[in-house]
């Protein structure tokens, strides 16, 4: 009985967090993304001499984790820490989903043959 009650409580909390999560309008996310364009390009595919990673097409949860790590200091980069430090949870989620949904120029290794 206790397990059922705990599960129901956790499910209710998860549902309420989803319902009450702050939603950021797409236009605001696009405005925030303009800051990213300086290094990552307007389409999220620039690498600026290979120095900056491509954002477009990345998994949104990977991008969100990276922004959280810059924000809390786990990843060290003064520019990214300054930018990520100003973002709300909803903005991190919105930016991550925005760049993740853009067509990326990421490559996997499937086109290369593995030598025996």
N, C-alpha and C. Protein backbone atom coordinates (compact mmCIF):
# COMPACT_ATOMS: atom_id res chain seq x y z
N UNK A 1 0.82 -1.19 0.00
CA UNK A 1 0.00 0.00 0.00
C UNK A 1 0.87 1.26 0.00
N UNK A 2 1.94 1.24 0.79
CA UNK A 2 2.81 2.39 0.88
C UNK A 2 3.47 2.69 -0.47
N UNK A 3 3.90 1.67 -1.20
CA UNK A 3 4.52 1.85 -2.51
C UNK A 3 3.54 2.49 -3.48
N UNK A 4 2.29 2.07 -3.46
CA UNK A 4 1.28 2.64 -4.33
C UNK A 4 1.07 4.11 -4.02
N UNK A 5 1.01 4.47 -2.75
CA UNK A 5 0.83 5.86 -2.34
C UNK A 5 2.02 6.71 -2.77
N UNK A 6 3.22 6.18 -2.57
CA UNK A 6 4.43 6.91 -2.97
C UNK A 6 4.44 7.12 -4.47
N UNK A 7 4.11 6.08 -5.23
CA UNK A 7 4.08 6.20 -6.68
C UNK A 7 3.06 7.23 -7.12
N UNK A 8 1.88 7.22 -6.53
CA UNK A 8 0.83 8.18 -6.89
C UNK A 8 1.27 9.60 -6.59
N UNK A 9 1.93 9.79 -5.46
CA UNK A 9 2.41 11.12 -5.09
C UNK A 9 3.47 11.60 -6.07
N UNK A 10 4.42 10.72 -6.42
CA UNK A 10 5.46 11.10 -7.39
C UNK A 10 4.87 11.40 -8.76
N UNK A 11 3.91 10.61 -9.18
CA UNK A 11 3.25 10.85 -10.47
C UNK A 11 2.52 12.20 -10.46
N UNK A 12 1.86 12.51 -9.38
CA UNK A 12 1.15 13.79 -9.27
C UNK A 12 2.13 14.96 -9.31
N UNK A 13 3.25 14.82 -8.62
CA UNK A 13 4.26 15.89 -8.63
C UNK A 13 4.84 16.08 -10.02
N UNK A 14 5.13 14.99 -10.71
CA UNK A 14 5.67 15.09 -12.06
C UNK A 14 4.67 15.76 -12.99
N UNK A 15 3.41 15.38 -12.88
CA UNK A 15 2.37 15.97 -13.70
C UNK A 15 2.23 17.46 -13.41
N UNK A 16 2.22 17.85 -12.15
CA UNK A 16 2.05 19.27 -11.81
C UNK A 16 3.24 20.08 -12.27
N UNK A 17 4.45 19.52 -12.22
CA UNK A 17 5.62 20.24 -12.70
C UNK A 17 5.51 20.50 -14.19
N UNK A 18 4.97 19.51 -14.93
CA UNK A 18 4.79 19.69 -16.36
C UNK A 18 3.73 20.75 -16.65
N UNK A 19 2.64 20.71 -15.93
CA UNK A 19 1.54 21.64 -16.16
C UNK A 19 1.94 23.07 -15.81
N UNK A 20 2.69 23.23 -14.73
CA UNK A 20 3.02 24.57 -14.26
C UNK A 20 4.39 25.07 -14.71
N UNK A 21 5.08 24.31 -15.55
CA UNK A 21 6.39 24.75 -16.04
C UNK A 21 6.21 26.03 -16.86
N UNK A 22 7.14 26.94 -16.67
CA UNK A 22 7.09 28.20 -17.41
C UNK A 22 7.35 27.90 -18.89
N UNK A 23 6.51 28.44 -19.73
CA UNK A 23 6.70 28.25 -21.15
C UNK A 23 7.21 29.57 -21.73
N UNK A 24 8.24 29.50 -22.53
CA UNK A 24 8.84 30.68 -23.13
C UNK A 24 8.37 30.77 -24.58
N UNK A 25 7.87 31.92 -25.00
CA UNK A 25 7.46 32.07 -26.40
C UNK A 25 8.64 31.86 -27.35
N UNK A 26 8.37 31.27 -28.49
CA UNK A 26 9.41 30.97 -29.47
C UNK A 26 10.18 32.23 -29.87
N UNK A 27 9.50 33.33 -29.99
CA UNK A 27 10.18 34.58 -30.38
C UNK A 27 11.22 35.00 -29.34
N UNK A 28 10.92 34.78 -28.08
CA UNK A 28 11.89 35.11 -27.02
C UNK A 28 13.09 34.17 -27.10
N UNK A 29 12.85 32.91 -27.39
CA UNK A 29 13.96 31.95 -27.54
C UNK A 29 14.82 32.34 -28.73
N UNK A 30 14.21 32.70 -29.84
CA UNK A 30 14.97 33.12 -31.02
C UNK A 30 15.80 34.37 -30.71
N UNK A 31 15.25 35.27 -29.91
CA UNK A 31 15.98 36.48 -29.52
C UNK A 31 17.19 36.09 -28.67
N UNK A 32 17.00 35.19 -27.72
CA UNK A 32 18.12 34.71 -26.88
C UNK A 32 19.17 34.01 -27.74
N UNK A 33 18.72 33.27 -28.76
CA UNK A 33 19.63 32.51 -29.61
C UNK A 33 20.55 33.42 -30.43
N UNK A 34 20.17 34.68 -30.60
CA UNK A 34 21.02 35.62 -31.34
C UNK A 34 22.37 35.80 -30.64
N UNK A 35 22.38 35.70 -29.33
CA UNK A 35 23.64 35.80 -28.59
C UNK A 35 24.55 34.63 -28.95
N UNK A 36 23.96 33.47 -29.14
CA UNK A 36 24.73 32.26 -29.46
C UNK A 36 25.35 32.36 -30.86
N UNK A 37 24.70 33.13 -31.74
CA UNK A 37 25.12 33.22 -33.14
C UNK A 37 26.52 33.79 -33.30
N UNK A 38 26.96 34.60 -32.36
CA UNK A 38 28.28 35.21 -32.46
C UNK A 38 29.38 34.15 -32.60
N UNK A 39 29.23 33.05 -31.91
CA UNK A 39 30.24 31.98 -31.95
C UNK A 39 29.77 30.74 -32.70
N UNK A 40 28.49 30.44 -32.62
CA UNK A 40 27.97 29.18 -33.16
C UNK A 40 27.24 29.37 -34.49
N UNK A 41 27.15 30.60 -34.98
CA UNK A 41 26.48 30.89 -36.24
C UNK A 41 24.98 31.01 -36.08
N UNK A 42 24.35 31.76 -36.98
CA UNK A 42 22.91 31.98 -36.89
C UNK A 42 22.12 30.69 -37.02
N UNK A 43 22.67 29.74 -37.76
CA UNK A 43 21.97 28.46 -37.93
C UNK A 43 22.49 27.40 -36.97
N UNK A 44 23.41 27.77 -36.07
CA UNK A 44 23.94 26.82 -35.10
C UNK A 44 24.97 25.86 -35.66
N UNK A 45 25.41 26.11 -36.90
CA UNK A 45 26.35 25.20 -37.56
C UNK A 45 27.76 25.74 -37.74
N UNK A 46 28.02 26.95 -37.30
CA UNK A 46 29.36 27.53 -37.45
C UNK A 46 30.30 26.92 -36.42
N UNK A 47 31.55 26.88 -36.78
CA UNK A 47 32.53 26.36 -35.84
C UNK A 47 33.66 27.36 -35.58
N UNK A 48 33.66 28.49 -36.25
CA UNK A 48 34.69 29.51 -36.07
C UNK A 48 36.08 28.89 -35.95
N UNK A 49 36.59 28.43 -37.07
CA UNK A 49 37.91 27.80 -37.13
C UNK A 49 38.00 26.55 -36.26
N UNK A 50 36.91 25.87 -36.08
CA UNK A 50 36.90 24.65 -35.30
C UNK A 50 36.94 24.86 -33.79
N UNK A 51 36.90 26.12 -33.38
CA UNK A 51 37.00 26.42 -31.96
C UNK A 51 35.71 26.20 -31.19
N UNK A 52 34.56 26.41 -31.85
CA UNK A 52 33.27 26.32 -31.17
C UNK A 52 32.46 25.16 -31.73
N UNK A 53 31.75 24.46 -30.87
CA UNK A 53 30.97 23.31 -31.35
C UNK A 53 29.71 23.72 -32.11
N UNK A 54 29.29 22.84 -32.98
CA UNK A 54 28.01 23.02 -33.65
C UNK A 54 26.90 22.67 -32.68
N UNK A 55 25.85 23.48 -32.67
CA UNK A 55 24.71 23.24 -31.79
C UNK A 55 23.54 22.61 -32.52
N UNK A 56 23.37 22.99 -33.78
CA UNK A 56 22.23 22.50 -34.56
C UNK A 56 22.26 20.99 -34.70
N UNK A 57 21.12 20.38 -34.43
CA UNK A 57 20.99 18.94 -34.58
C UNK A 57 21.47 18.12 -33.40
N UNK A 58 22.05 18.78 -32.39
CA UNK A 58 22.47 18.05 -31.19
C UNK A 58 21.22 17.61 -30.41
N UNK A 59 21.36 16.59 -29.59
CA UNK A 59 20.26 16.18 -28.72
C UNK A 59 19.98 17.30 -27.73
N UNK A 60 18.70 17.63 -27.57
CA UNK A 60 18.36 18.75 -26.69
C UNK A 60 18.78 18.49 -25.25
N UNK A 61 18.71 17.24 -24.80
CA UNK A 61 19.10 16.97 -23.42
C UNK A 61 20.60 17.14 -23.21
N UNK A 62 21.39 16.86 -24.25
CA UNK A 62 22.84 17.10 -24.17
C UNK A 62 23.12 18.60 -24.07
N UNK A 63 22.44 19.39 -24.91
CA UNK A 63 22.63 20.84 -24.87
C UNK A 63 22.20 21.42 -23.53
N UNK A 64 21.07 20.95 -23.02
CA UNK A 64 20.59 21.44 -21.72
C UNK A 64 21.59 21.09 -20.61
N UNK A 65 22.10 19.89 -20.64
CA UNK A 65 23.08 19.50 -19.62
C UNK A 65 24.32 20.37 -19.71
N UNK A 66 24.80 20.62 -20.92
CA UNK A 66 25.98 21.47 -21.09
C UNK A 66 25.72 22.87 -20.53
N UNK A 67 24.56 23.44 -20.83
CA UNK A 67 24.24 24.78 -20.30
C UNK A 67 24.16 24.76 -18.78
N UNK A 68 23.57 23.73 -18.21
CA UNK A 68 23.53 23.62 -16.74
C UNK A 68 24.94 23.52 -16.16
N UNK A 69 25.80 22.77 -16.83
CA UNK A 69 27.17 22.61 -16.33
C UNK A 69 27.97 23.90 -16.44
N UNK A 70 27.73 24.69 -17.48
CA UNK A 70 28.37 26.01 -17.55
C UNK A 70 27.82 26.91 -16.44
N UNK A 71 26.53 26.82 -16.23
CA UNK A 71 25.87 27.67 -15.23
C UNK A 71 26.36 27.36 -13.81
N UNK A 72 26.52 26.07 -13.48
CA UNK A 72 26.93 25.72 -12.12
C UNK A 72 28.44 25.58 -11.95
N UNK A 73 29.21 25.80 -13.01
CA UNK A 73 30.67 25.80 -12.91
C UNK A 73 31.34 24.46 -13.16
N UNK A 74 30.57 23.41 -13.46
CA UNK A 74 31.19 22.11 -13.77
C UNK A 74 32.01 22.18 -15.05
N UNK A 75 31.52 22.94 -16.03
CA UNK A 75 32.29 23.19 -17.25
C UNK A 75 32.87 24.59 -17.12
N UNK A 76 34.12 24.73 -17.53
CA UNK A 76 34.82 26.00 -17.37
C UNK A 76 34.96 26.71 -18.71
N UNK A 77 34.30 27.84 -18.82
CA UNK A 77 34.46 28.74 -19.95
C UNK A 77 33.82 30.05 -19.52
N UNK A 78 34.61 31.11 -19.39
CA UNK A 78 34.06 32.36 -18.86
C UNK A 78 32.94 32.96 -19.72
N UNK A 79 33.03 32.80 -21.02
CA UNK A 79 31.98 33.35 -21.88
C UNK A 79 30.69 32.56 -21.69
N UNK A 80 30.78 31.24 -21.75
CA UNK A 80 29.59 30.41 -21.60
C UNK A 80 29.03 30.49 -20.18
N UNK A 81 29.89 30.57 -19.18
CA UNK A 81 29.42 30.69 -17.80
C UNK A 81 28.63 31.98 -17.62
N UNK A 82 29.12 33.05 -18.20
CA UNK A 82 28.42 34.34 -18.10
C UNK A 82 27.07 34.30 -18.79
N UNK A 83 27.02 33.68 -19.94
CA UNK A 83 25.76 33.59 -20.67
C UNK A 83 24.80 32.64 -19.98
N UNK A 84 25.25 31.43 -19.67
CA UNK A 84 24.38 30.42 -19.07
C UNK A 84 23.90 30.85 -17.69
N UNK A 85 24.73 31.60 -16.99
CA UNK A 85 24.36 32.07 -15.66
C UNK A 85 23.14 32.96 -15.63
N UNK A 86 22.82 33.56 -16.75
CA UNK A 86 21.66 34.46 -16.82
C UNK A 86 20.38 33.74 -17.24
N UNK A 87 20.49 32.48 -17.64
CA UNK A 87 19.34 31.76 -18.19
C UNK A 87 18.49 31.11 -17.10
N UNK A 88 17.18 31.17 -17.29
CA UNK A 88 16.26 30.45 -16.41
C UNK A 88 16.19 29.00 -16.89
N UNK A 89 15.58 28.14 -16.08
CA UNK A 89 15.39 26.74 -16.48
C UNK A 89 14.60 26.65 -17.78
N UNK A 90 13.57 27.47 -17.90
CA UNK A 90 12.73 27.44 -19.10
C UNK A 90 13.51 27.92 -20.32
N UNK A 91 14.39 28.90 -20.15
CA UNK A 91 15.20 29.38 -21.27
C UNK A 91 16.22 28.33 -21.69
N UNK A 92 16.82 27.64 -20.73
CA UNK A 92 17.75 26.56 -21.05
C UNK A 92 17.01 25.48 -21.85
N UNK A 93 15.85 25.10 -21.39
CA UNK A 93 15.06 24.10 -22.09
C UNK A 93 14.69 24.58 -23.50
N UNK A 94 14.22 25.82 -23.60
CA UNK A 94 13.82 26.36 -24.89
C UNK A 94 14.97 26.45 -25.88
N UNK A 95 16.11 26.96 -25.43
CA UNK A 95 17.28 27.07 -26.32
C UNK A 95 17.77 25.69 -26.75
N UNK A 96 17.78 24.77 -25.82
CA UNK A 96 18.24 23.41 -26.14
C UNK A 96 17.34 22.76 -27.18
N UNK A 97 16.05 22.92 -27.01
CA UNK A 97 15.10 22.35 -27.98
C UNK A 97 15.18 23.08 -29.32
N UNK A 98 15.37 24.40 -29.28
CA UNK A 98 15.47 25.20 -30.51
C UNK A 98 16.66 24.74 -31.35
N UNK A 99 17.85 24.71 -30.74
CA UNK A 99 19.03 24.31 -31.50
C UNK A 99 18.99 22.82 -31.86
N UNK A 100 18.43 22.00 -31.02
CA UNK A 100 18.31 20.59 -31.32
C UNK A 100 17.41 20.32 -32.52
N UNK A 101 16.44 21.20 -32.74
CA UNK A 101 15.50 21.02 -33.85
C UNK A 101 16.02 21.59 -35.17
N UNK A 102 17.08 22.40 -35.13
CA UNK A 102 17.62 22.96 -36.37
C UNK A 102 18.35 21.89 -37.16
N UNK A 103 18.32 21.98 -38.49
CA UNK A 103 19.05 21.01 -39.30
C UNK A 103 20.55 21.14 -39.03
N UNK A 104 21.16 20.06 -38.63
CA UNK A 104 22.57 20.10 -38.28
C UNK A 104 23.46 19.58 -39.39
N UNK A 105 24.71 19.93 -39.28
CA UNK A 105 25.72 19.43 -40.20
C UNK A 105 26.66 18.50 -39.44
N UNK A 106 26.08 17.77 -38.51
CA UNK A 106 26.85 16.82 -37.73
C UNK A 106 27.08 15.57 -38.54
N UNK A 107 28.22 14.94 -38.35
CA UNK A 107 28.52 13.70 -39.05
C UNK A 107 28.70 12.58 -38.04
N UNK A 108 28.25 11.41 -38.42
CA UNK A 108 28.60 10.25 -37.63
C UNK A 108 29.67 9.49 -38.41
N UNK A 109 30.10 8.40 -37.90
CA UNK A 109 31.19 7.66 -38.54
C UNK A 109 30.72 6.56 -39.47
N UNK A 110 29.41 6.52 -39.76
CA UNK A 110 28.86 5.43 -40.56
C UNK A 110 29.40 5.38 -41.99
N UNK A 111 29.85 6.50 -42.51
CA UNK A 111 30.34 6.49 -43.88
C UNK A 111 31.80 6.03 -44.00
N UNK A 112 32.45 5.83 -42.89
CA UNK A 112 33.84 5.36 -42.90
C UNK A 112 33.90 3.87 -42.64
N UNK A 113 34.70 3.20 -43.41
CA UNK A 113 34.85 1.76 -43.24
C UNK A 113 35.84 1.50 -42.13
N UNK A 114 35.54 0.49 -41.38
CA UNK A 114 36.45 0.11 -40.30
C UNK A 114 37.40 -0.94 -40.81
N UNK A 115 38.69 -0.72 -40.64
CA UNK A 115 39.69 -1.68 -41.09
C UNK A 115 39.73 -2.89 -40.20
N UNK A 116 40.04 -4.01 -40.80
CA UNK A 116 40.11 -5.27 -40.04
C UNK A 116 41.49 -5.50 -39.52
